Amino acid sequence: MYLHIGDNGCIRESDVIGIFDLEVATTMKTTAEFLLASQEEGFTVNVVDRGEMPKSFILADTEGVSRVYISPVSTMTLYKRVSGGSRRKR
């Protein structure tokens, strides 16, 4: 299955390592440094359209290559998409 992460961005659910709230995570120095380093090293993919605010980032590993996807979709919405929302029973 694929996870729609905003604009035209989709990634395989099995590649997702974590979904993080951008506002909360960047208050931590180490996370802010990680995001800056990933951007400088070219591992960041921005799927935020003009006029949209980034709300989350998704850490994914595709065929041994780590990527950080900056998304306009909230962490709760992404989680619901991954978990199937109310469609799946726990």
PDB file of N, CA and C in Angstrom:
ATOM      1  N   MET A   1       0.836  -1.177   0.000  1.00  0.00           N
ATOM      2  CA  MET A   1       0.000   0.000   0.000  1.00  0.00           C
ATOM      3  C   MET A   1       0.886   1.248   0.000  1.00  0.00           C
ATOM      4  N   TYR A   2       0.323   2.314  -0.513  1.00  0.00           N
ATOM      5  CA  TYR A   2       1.033   3.580  -0.568  1.00  0.00           C
ATOM      6  C   TYR A   2       0.379   4.602   0.359  1.00  0.00           C
ATOM      7  N   LEU A   3       1.203   5.490   0.856  1.00  0.00           N
ATOM      8  CA  LEU A   3       0.750   6.555   1.737  1.00  0.00           C
ATOM      9  C   LEU A   3       0.843   7.869   0.985  1.00  0.00           C
ATOM     10  N   HIS A   4      -0.294   8.552   0.818  1.00  0.00           N
ATOM     11  CA  HIS A   4      -0.299   9.869   0.182  1.00  0.00           C
ATOM     12  C   HIS A   4       0.129  10.888   1.230  1.00  0.00           C
ATOM     13  N   ILE A   5       1.227  11.616   0.934  1.00  0.00           N
ATOM     14  CA  ILE A   5       1.793  12.522   1.926  1.00  0.00           C
ATOM     15  C   ILE A   5       1.633  13.991   1.560  1.00  0.00           C
ATOM     16  N   GLY A   6       0.865  14.283   0.530  1.00  0.00           N
ATOM     17  CA  GLY A   6       0.623  15.663   0.130  1.00  0.00           C
ATOM     18  C   GLY A   6       1.026  15.917  -1.298  1.00  0.00           C
ATOM     19  N   ASP A   7       0.391  16.911  -1.909  1.00  0.00           N
ATOM     20  CA  ASP A   7       0.619  17.268  -3.298  1.00  0.00           C
ATOM     21  C   ASP A   7       0.564  15.997  -4.136  1.00  0.00           C
ATOM     22  N   ASN A   8       1.614  15.670  -4.852  1.00  0.00           N
ATOM     23  CA  ASN A   8       1.647  14.437  -5.641  1.00  0.00           C
ATOM     24  C   ASN A   8       2.571  13.402  -5.020  1.00  0.00           C
ATOM     25  N   GLY A   9       2.854  13.546  -3.737  1.00  0.00           N
ATOM     26  CA  GLY A   9       3.797  12.656  -3.077  1.00  0.00           C
ATOM     27  C   GLY A   9       3.148  11.419  -2.492  1.00  0.00           C
ATOM     28  N   CYS A  10       3.732  10.274  -2.816  1.00  0.00           N
ATOM     29  CA  CYS A  10       3.310   8.993  -2.250  1.00  0.00           C
ATOM     30  C   CYS A  10       4.548   8.176  -1.944  1.00  0.00           C
ATOM     31  N   ILE A  11       4.505   7.467  -0.836  1.00  0.00           N
ATOM     32  CA  ILE A  11       5.589   6.552  -0.492  1.00  0.00           C
ATOM     33  C   ILE A  11       4.969   5.241  -0.026  1.00  0.00           C
ATOM     34  N   ARG A  12       5.746   4.165  -0.146  1.00  0.00           N
ATOM     35  CA  ARG A  12       5.233   2.874   0.323  1.00  0.00           C
ATOM     36  C   ARG A  12       5.131   2.874   1.842  1.00  0.00           C
ATOM     37  N   GLU A  13       4.038   2.378   2.342  1.00  0.00           N
ATOM     38  CA  GLU A  13       3.845   2.312   3.795  1.00  0.00           C
ATOM     39  C   GLU A  13       4.944   1.500   4.456  1.00  0.00           C
ATOM     40  N   SER A  14       5.404   0.461   3.802  1.00  0.00           N
ATOM     41  CA  SER A  14       6.443  -0.395   4.387  1.00  0.00           C
ATOM     42  C   SER A  14       7.788   0.323   4.503  1.00  0.00           C
ATOM     43  N   ASP A  15       7.967   1.446   3.795  1.00  0.00           N
ATOM     44  CA  ASP A  15       9.212   2.215   3.861  1.00  0.00           C
ATOM     45  C   ASP A  15       9.215   3.221   5.012  1.00  0.00           C
ATOM     46  N   VAL A  16       8.055   3.471   5.599  1.00  0.00           N
ATOM     47  CA  VAL A  16       7.935   4.486   6.647  1.00  0.00           C
ATOM     48  C   VAL A  16       8.598   4.008   7.939  1.00  0.00           C
ATOM     49  N   ILE A  17       9.495   4.841   8.446  1.00  0.00           N
ATOM     50  CA  ILE A  17      10.141   4.567   9.732  1.00  0.00           C
ATOM     51  C   ILE A  17       9.417   5.323  10.836  1.00  0.00           C
ATOM     52  N   GLY A  18       9.042   6.573  10.552  1.00  0.00           N
ATOM     53  CA  GLY A  18       8.345   7.372  11.552  1.00  0.00           C
ATOM     54  C   GLY A  18       7.675   8.579  10.948  1.00  0.00           C
ATOM     55  N   ILE A  19       6.646   9.045  11.626  1.00  0.00           N
ATOM     56  CA  ILE A  19       5.892  10.239  11.235  1.00  0.00           C
ATOM     57  C   ILE A  19       5.959  11.188  12.419  1.00  0.00           C
ATOM     58  N   PHE A  20       6.395  12.428  12.167  1.00  0.00           N
ATOM     59  CA  PHE A  20       6.663  13.363  13.246  1.00  0.00           C
ATOM     60  C   PHE A  20       5.989  14.707  13.009  1.00  0.00           C
ATOM     61  N   ASP A  21       5.485  15.305  14.073  1.00  0.00           N
ATOM     62  CA  ASP A  21       4.922  16.642  14.017  1.00  0.00           C
ATOM     63  C   ASP A  21       6.080  17.622  13.895  1.00  0.00           C
ATOM     64  N   LEU A  22       6.081  18.418  12.855  1.00  0.00           N
ATOM     65  CA  LEU A  22       7.204  19.314  12.580  1.00  0.00           C
ATOM     66  C   LEU A  22       7.376  20.376  13.655  1.00  0.00           C
ATOM     67  N   GLU A  23       6.281  20.958  14.101  1.00  0.00           N
ATOM     68  CA  GLU A  23       6.365  22.026  15.102  1.00  0.00           C
ATOM     69  C   GLU A  23       6.912  21.508  16.431  1.00  0.00           C
ATOM     70  N   VAL A  24       6.427  20.366  16.858  1.00  0.00           N
ATOM     71  CA  VAL A  24       6.867  19.799  18.134  1.00  0.00           C
ATOM     72  C   VAL A  24       8.307  19.295  18.037  1.00  0.00           C
ATOM     73  N   ALA A  25       8.617  18.583  16.969  1.00  0.00           N
ATOM     74  CA  ALA A  25       9.938  17.967  16.839  1.00  0.00           C
ATOM     75  C   ALA A  25      11.055  18.986  16.705  1.00  0.00           C
ATOM     76  N   THR A  26      10.794  20.100  16.038  1.00  0.00           N
ATOM     77  CA  THR A  26      11.861  21.076  15.818  1.00  0.00           C
ATOM     78  C   THR A  26      12.164  21.914  17.058  1.00  0.00           C
ATOM     79  N   THR A  27      11.381  21.759  18.113  1.00  0.00           N
ATOM     80  CA  THR A  27      11.728  22.439  19.369  1.00  0.00           C
ATOM     81  C   THR A  27      12.897  21.736  20.054  1.00  0.00           C
ATOM     82  N   MET A  28      13.179  20.519  19.631  1.00  0.00           N
ATOM     83  CA  MET A  28      14.307  19.764  20.182  1.00  0.00           C
ATOM     84  C   MET A  28      15.536  20.039  19.319  1.00  0.00           C
ATOM     85  N   LYS A  29      16.615  20.407  19.952  1.00  0.00           N
ATOM     86  CA  LYS A  29      17.831  20.805  19.241  1.00  0.00           C
ATOM     87  C   LYS A  29      18.343  19.702  18.320  1.00  0.00           C
ATOM     88  N   THR A  30      18.375  18.465  18.802  1.00  0.00           N
ATOM     89  CA  THR A  30      18.922  17.373  17.998  1.00  0.00           C
ATOM     90  C   THR A  30      18.082  17.111  16.755  1.00  0.00           C
ATOM     91  N   THR A  31      16.760  17.228  16.882  1.00  0.00           N
ATOM     92  CA  THR A  31      15.894  17.020  15.728  1.00  0.00           C
ATOM     93  C   THR A  31      16.065  18.140  14.716  1.00  0.00           C
ATOM     94  N   ALA A  32      16.160  19.363  15.183  1.00  0.00           N
ATOM     95  CA  ALA A  32      16.381  20.496  14.285  1.00  0.00           C
ATOM     96  C   ALA A  32      17.708  20.334  13.555  1.00  0.00           C
ATOM     97  N   GLU A  33      18.741  19.886  14.251  1.00  0.00           N
ATOM     98  CA  GLU A  33      20.041  19.653  13.629  1.00  0.00           C
ATOM     99  C   GLU A  33      19.963  18.524  12.601  1.00  0.00           C
ATOM    100  N   PHE A  34      19.223  17.467  12.930  1.00  0.00           N
ATOM    101  CA  PHE A  34      19.039  16.348  11.999  1.00  0.00           C
ATOM    102  C   PHE A  34      18.363  16.819  10.720  1.00  0.00           C
ATOM    103  N   LEU A  35      17.294  17.611  10.846  1.00  0.00           N
ATOM    104  CA  LEU A  35      16.577  18.095   9.670  1.00  0.00           C
ATOM    105  C   LEU A  35      17.454  19.008   8.816  1.00  0.00           C
ATOM    106  N   LEU A  36      18.237  19.850   9.461  1.00  0.00           N
ATOM    107  CA  LEU A  36      19.146  20.728   8.735  1.00  0.00           C
ATOM    108  C   LEU A  36      20.204  19.912   7.986  1.00  0.00           C
ATOM    109  N   ALA A  37      20.780  18.926   8.655  1.00  0.00           N
ATOM    110  CA  ALA A  37      21.799  18.076   8.028  1.00  0.00           C
ATOM    111  C   ALA A  37      21.219  17.285   6.860  1.00  0.00           C
ATOM    112  N   SER A  38      20.008  16.755   7.028  1.00  0.00           N
ATOM    113  CA  SER A  38      19.398  15.979   5.940  1.00  0.00           C
ATOM    114  C   SER A  38      19.115  16.870   4.730  1.00  0.00           C
ATOM    115  N   GLN A  39      18.762  18.121   4.979  1.00  0.00           N
ATOM    116  CA  GLN A  39      18.529  19.053   3.879  1.00  0.00           C
ATOM    117  C   GLN A  39      19.846  19.388   3.182  1.00  0.00           C
ATOM    118  N   GLU A  40      20.883  19.674   3.953  1.00  0.00           N
ATOM    119  CA  GLU A  40      22.186  20.011   3.387  1.00  0.00           C
ATOM    120  C   GLU A  40      22.789  18.858   2.594  1.00  0.00           C
ATOM    121  N   GLU A  41      22.511  17.628   3.017  1.00  0.00           N
ATOM    122  CA  GLU A  41      23.066  16.451   2.345  1.00  0.00           C
ATOM    123  C   GLU A  41      22.180  15.945   1.208  1.00  0.00           C
ATOM    124  N   GLY A  42      21.048  16.608   0.979  1.00  0.00           N
ATOM    125  CA  GLY A  42      20.192  16.251  -0.152  1.00  0.00           C
ATOM    126  C   GLY A  42      19.247  15.089   0.085  1.00  0.00           C
ATOM    127  N   PHE A  43      18.943  14.795   1.344  1.00  0.00           N
ATOM    128  CA  PHE A  43      18.041  13.687   1.658  1.00  0.00           C
ATOM    129  C   PHE A  43      16.611  14.145   1.935  1.00  0.00           C
ATOM    130  N   THR A  44      16.368  15.440   1.803  1.00  0.00           N
ATOM    131  CA  THR A  44      15.040  15.985   2.087  1.00  0.00           C
ATOM    132  C   THR A  44      14.247  16.152   0.804  1.00  0.00           C
ATOM    133  N   VAL A  45      12.992  15.716   0.853  1.00  0.00           N
ATOM    134  CA  VAL A  45      12.065  15.876  -0.266  1.00  0.00           C
ATOM    135  C   VAL A  45      10.905  16.713   0.253  1.00  0.00           C
ATOM    136  N   ASN A  46      10.697  17.865  -0.354  1.00  0.00           N
ATOM    137  CA  ASN A  46       9.638  18.768   0.081  1.00  0.00           C
ATOM    138  C   ASN A  46       8.416  18.578  -0.813  1.00  0.00           C
ATOM    139  N   VAL A  47       7.299  18.141  -0.237  1.00  0.00           N
ATOM    140  CA  VAL A  47       6.070  17.963  -1.014  1.00  0.00           C
ATOM    141  C   VAL A  47       5.025  19.025  -0.658  1.00  0.00           C
ATOM    142  N   VAL A  48       5.492  20.116  -0.061  1.00  0.00           N
ATOM    143  CA  VAL A  48       4.600  21.204   0.322  1.00  0.00           C
ATOM    144  C   VAL A  48       4.450  22.150  -0.859  1.00  0.00           C
ATOM    145  N   ASP A  49       3.209  22.404  -1.254  1.00  0.00           N
ATOM    146  CA  ASP A  49       2.894  23.329  -2.332  1.00  0.00           C
ATOM    147  C   ASP A  49       3.011  24.764  -1.831  1.00  0.00           C
ATOM    148  N   ARG A  50       3.177  25.683  -2.735  1.00  0.00           N
ATOM    149  CA  ARG A  50       3.189  27.099  -2.344  1.00  0.00           C
ATOM    150  C   ARG A  50       1.892  27.452  -1.645  1.00  0.00           C
ATOM    151  N   GLY A  51       2.005  28.255  -0.626  1.00  0.00           N
ATOM    152  CA  GLY A  51       0.827  28.687   0.125  1.00  0.00           C
ATOM    153  C   GLY A  51       0.431  27.741   1.236  1.00  0.00           C
ATOM    154  N   GLU A  52       1.024  26.551   1.268  1.00  0.00           N
ATOM    155  CA  GLU A  52       0.726  25.591   2.331  1.00  0.00           C
ATOM    156  C   GLU A  52       1.826  25.654   3.386  1.00  0.00           C
ATOM    157  N   MET A  53       1.464  25.335   4.590  1.00  0.00           N
ATOM    158  CA  MET A  53       2.427  25.283   5.686  1.00  0.00           C
ATOM    159  C   MET A  53       2.840  23.828   5.908  1.00  0.00           C
ATOM    160  N   PRO A  54       4.128  23.578   6.099  1.00  0.00           N
ATOM    161  CA  PRO A  54       4.541  22.212   6.445  1.00  0.00           C
ATOM    162  C   PRO A  54       4.067  21.874   7.852  1.00  0.00           C
ATOM    163  N   LYS A  55       3.530  20.677   8.013  1.00  0.00           N
ATOM    164  CA  LYS A  55       2.991  20.265   9.309  1.00  0.00           C
ATOM    165  C   LYS A  55       3.705  19.052   9.890  1.00  0.00           C
ATOM    166  N   SER A  56       4.296  18.257   9.019  1.00  0.00           N
ATOM    167  CA  SER A  56       4.905  17.021   9.507  1.00  0.00           C
ATOM    168  C   SER A  56       6.102  16.651   8.651  1.00  0.00           C
ATOM    169  N   PHE A  57       6.869  15.705   9.169  1.00  0.00           N
ATOM    170  CA  PHE A  57       7.886  15.098   8.320  1.00  0.00           C
ATOM    171  C   PHE A  57       7.856  13.596   8.530  1.00  0.00           C
ATOM    172  N   ILE A  58       8.156  12.899   7.448  1.00  0.00           N
ATOM    173  CA  ILE A  58       8.123  11.451   7.442  1.00  0.00           C
ATOM    174  C   ILE A  58       9.529  10.960   7.166  1.00  0.00           C
ATOM    175  N   LEU A  59      10.038  10.116   8.014  1.00  0.00           N
ATOM    176  CA  LEU A  59      11.334   9.491   7.800  1.00  0.00           C
ATOM    177  C   LEU A  59      11.067   8.144   7.153  1.00  0.00           C
ATOM    178  N   ALA A  60      11.685   7.912   6.002  1.00  0.00           N
ATOM    179  CA  ALA A  60      11.456   6.669   5.260  1.00  0.00           C
ATOM    180  C   ALA A  60      12.777   6.120   4.751  1.00  0.00           C
ATOM    181  N   ASP A  61      12.816   4.814   4.569  1.00  0.00           N
ATOM    182  CA  ASP A  61      13.984   4.141   4.026  1.00  0.00           C
ATOM    183  C   ASP A  61      13.534   3.348   2.807  1.00  0.00           C
ATOM    184  N   THR A  62      14.012   3.767   1.648  1.00  0.00           N
ATOM    185  CA  THR A  62      13.651   3.110   0.400  1.00  0.00           C
ATOM    186  C   THR A  62      14.899   2.484  -0.200  1.00  0.00           C
ATOM    187  N   GLU A  63      14.921   1.181  -0.228  1.00  0.00           N
ATOM    188  CA  GLU A  63      16.038   0.434  -0.797  1.00  0.00           C
ATOM    189  C   GLU A  63      17.376   0.883  -0.207  1.00  0.00           C
ATOM    190  N   GLY A  64      17.418   1.076   1.096  1.00  0.00           N
ATOM    191  CA  GLY A  64      18.642   1.432   1.787  1.00  0.00           C
ATOM    192  C   GLY A  64      18.994   2.914   1.767  1.00  0.00           C
ATOM    193  N   VAL A  65      18.140   3.738   1.173  1.00  0.00           N
ATOM    194  CA  VAL A  65      18.379   5.184   1.131  1.00  0.00           C
ATOM    195  C   VAL A  65      17.351   5.873   2.020  1.00  0.00           C
ATOM    196  N   SER A  66      17.846   6.585   3.025  1.00  0.00           N
ATOM    197  CA  SER A  66      16.950   7.302   3.929  1.00  0.00           C
ATOM    198  C   SER A  66      16.538   8.627   3.308  1.00  0.00           C
ATOM    199  N   ARG A  67      15.277   8.982   3.494  1.00  0.00           N
ATOM    200  CA  ARG A  67      14.737  10.243   3.003  1.00  0.00           C
ATOM    201  C   ARG A  67      13.879  10.864   4.098  1.00  0.00           C
ATOM    202  N   VAL A  68      13.864  12.200   4.094  1.00  0.00           N
ATOM    203  CA  VAL A  68      12.989  12.951   4.983  1.00  0.00           C
ATOM    204  C   VAL A  68      12.012  13.702   4.088  1.00  0.00           C
ATOM    205  N   TYR A  69      10.738  13.386   4.217  1.00  0.00           N
ATOM    206  CA  TYR A  69       9.696  14.029   3.409  1.00  0.00           C
ATOM    207  C   TYR A  69       9.006  15.090   4.260  1.00  0.00           C
ATOM    208  N   ILE A  70       9.040  16.330   3.802  1.00  0.00           N
ATOM    209  CA  ILE A  70       8.347  17.426   4.476  1.00  0.00           C
ATOM    210  C   ILE A  70       6.950  17.495   3.877  1.00  0.00           C
ATOM    211  N   SER A  71       5.932  17.425   4.728  1.00  0.00           N
ATOM    212  CA  SER A  71       4.553  17.282   4.261  1.00  0.00           C
ATOM    213  C   SER A  71       3.618  18.337   4.849  1.00  0.00           C
ATOM    214  N   PRO A  72       2.613  18.750   4.058  1.00  0.00           N
ATOM    215  CA  PRO A  72       1.600  19.660   4.570  1.00  0.00           C
ATOM    216  C   PRO A  72       0.468  18.937   5.308  1.00  0.00           C
ATOM    217  N   VAL A  73       0.550  17.627   5.366  1.00  0.00           N
ATOM    218  CA  VAL A  73      -0.497  16.810   5.987  1.00  0.00           C
ATOM    219  C   VAL A  73      -0.151  16.603   7.459  1.00  0.00           C
ATOM    220  N   SER A  74      -1.151  16.722   8.322  1.00  0.00           N
ATOM    221  CA  SER A  74      -0.915  16.580   9.767  1.00  0.00           C
ATOM    222  C   SER A  74      -0.537  15.143  10.122  1.00  0.00           C
ATOM    223  N   THR A  75       0.141  14.999  11.236  1.00  0.00           N
ATOM    224  CA  THR A  75       0.548  13.671  11.692  1.00  0.00           C
ATOM    225  C   THR A  75      -0.670  12.779  11.951  1.00  0.00           C
ATOM    226  N   MET A  76      -1.735  13.354  12.495  1.00  0.00           N
ATOM    227  CA  MET A  76      -2.935  12.560  12.779  1.00  0.00           C
ATOM    228  C   MET A  76      -3.549  12.017  11.484  1.00  0.00           C
ATOM    229  N   THR A  77      -3.619  12.846  10.459  1.00  0.00           N
ATOM    230  CA  THR A  77      -4.169  12.397   9.179  1.00  0.00           C
ATOM    231  C   THR A  77      -3.294  11.311   8.562  1.00  0.00           C
ATOM    232  N   LEU A  78      -1.986  11.511   8.609  1.00  0.00           N
ATOM    233  CA  LEU A  78      -1.071  10.489   8.079  1.00  0.00           C
ATOM    234  C   LEU A  78      -1.210   9.184   8.848  1.00  0.00           C
ATOM    235  N   TYR A  79      -1.307   9.281  10.170  1.00  0.00           N
ATOM    236  CA  TYR A  79      -1.481   8.078  10.985  1.00  0.00           C
ATOM    237  C   TYR A  79      -2.777   7.347  10.613  1.00  0.00           C
ATOM    238  N   LYS A  80      -3.850   8.100  10.442  1.00  0.00           N
ATOM    239  CA  LYS A  80      -5.124   7.479  10.066  1.00  0.00           C
ATOM    240  C   LYS A  80      -5.019   6.794   8.712  1.00  0.00           C
ATOM    241  N   ARG A  81      -4.291   7.412   7.788  1.00  0.00           N
ATOM    242  CA  ARG A  81      -4.112   6.805   6.466  1.00  0.00           C
ATOM    243  C   ARG A  81      -3.320   5.511   6.560  1.00  0.00           C
ATOM    244  N   VAL A  82      -2.290   5.495   7.388  1.00  0.00           N
ATOM    245  CA  VAL A  82      -1.471   4.294   7.550  1.00  0.00           C
ATOM    246  C   VAL A  82      -2.239   3.203   8.275  1.00  0.00           C
ATOM    247  N   SER A  83      -2.965   3.577   9.320  1.00  0.00           N
ATOM    248  CA  SER A  83      -3.665   2.578  10.134  1.00  0.00           C
ATOM    249  C   SER A  83      -5.015   2.188   9.550  1.00  0.00           C
ATOM    250  N   GLY A  84      -5.443   2.868   8.510  1.00  0.00           N
ATOM    251  CA  GLY A  84      -6.725   2.545   7.906  1.00  0.00           C
ATOM    252  C   GLY A  84      -7.875   3.252   8.569  1.00  0.00           C
ATOM    253  N   GLY A  85      -7.580   4.203   9.452  1.00  0.00           N
ATOM    254  CA  GLY A  85      -8.636   4.965  10.122  1.00  0.00           C
ATOM    255  C   GLY A  85      -9.558   4.035  10.892  1.00  0.00           C
ATOM    256  N   SER A  86     -10.820   4.153  10.670  1.00  0.00           N
ATOM    257  CA  SER A  86     -11.797   3.313  11.378  1.00  0.00           C
ATOM    258  C   SER A  86     -12.082   2.022  10.612  1.00  0.00           C
ATOM    259  N   ARG A  87     -11.430   1.827   9.464  1.00  0.00           N
ATOM    260  CA  ARG A  87     -11.698   0.636   8.664  1.00  0.00           C
ATOM    261  C   ARG A  87     -11.117  -0.625   9.289  1.00  0.00           C
ATOM    262  N   ARG A  88      -9.972  -0.488   9.951  1.00  0.00           N
ATOM    263  CA  ARG A  88      -9.325  -1.669  10.536  1.00  0.00           C
ATOM    264  C   ARG A  88      -9.702  -1.829  11.997  1.00  0.00           C
ATOM    265  N   LYS A  89      -9.889  -3.095  12.366  1.00  0.00           N
ATOM    266  CA  LYS A  89     -10.143  -3.379  13.783  1.00  0.00           C
ATOM    267  C   LYS A  89      -8.810  -3.690  14.416  1.00  0.00           C
ATOM    268  N   ARG A  90      -8.691  -3.318  15.687  1.00  0.00           N
ATOM    269  CA  ARG A  90      -7.429  -3.564  16.412  1.00  0.00           C
ATOM    270  C   ARG A  90      -7.554  -4.754  17.296  1.00  0.00           C
TER     271      ARG A  90
END
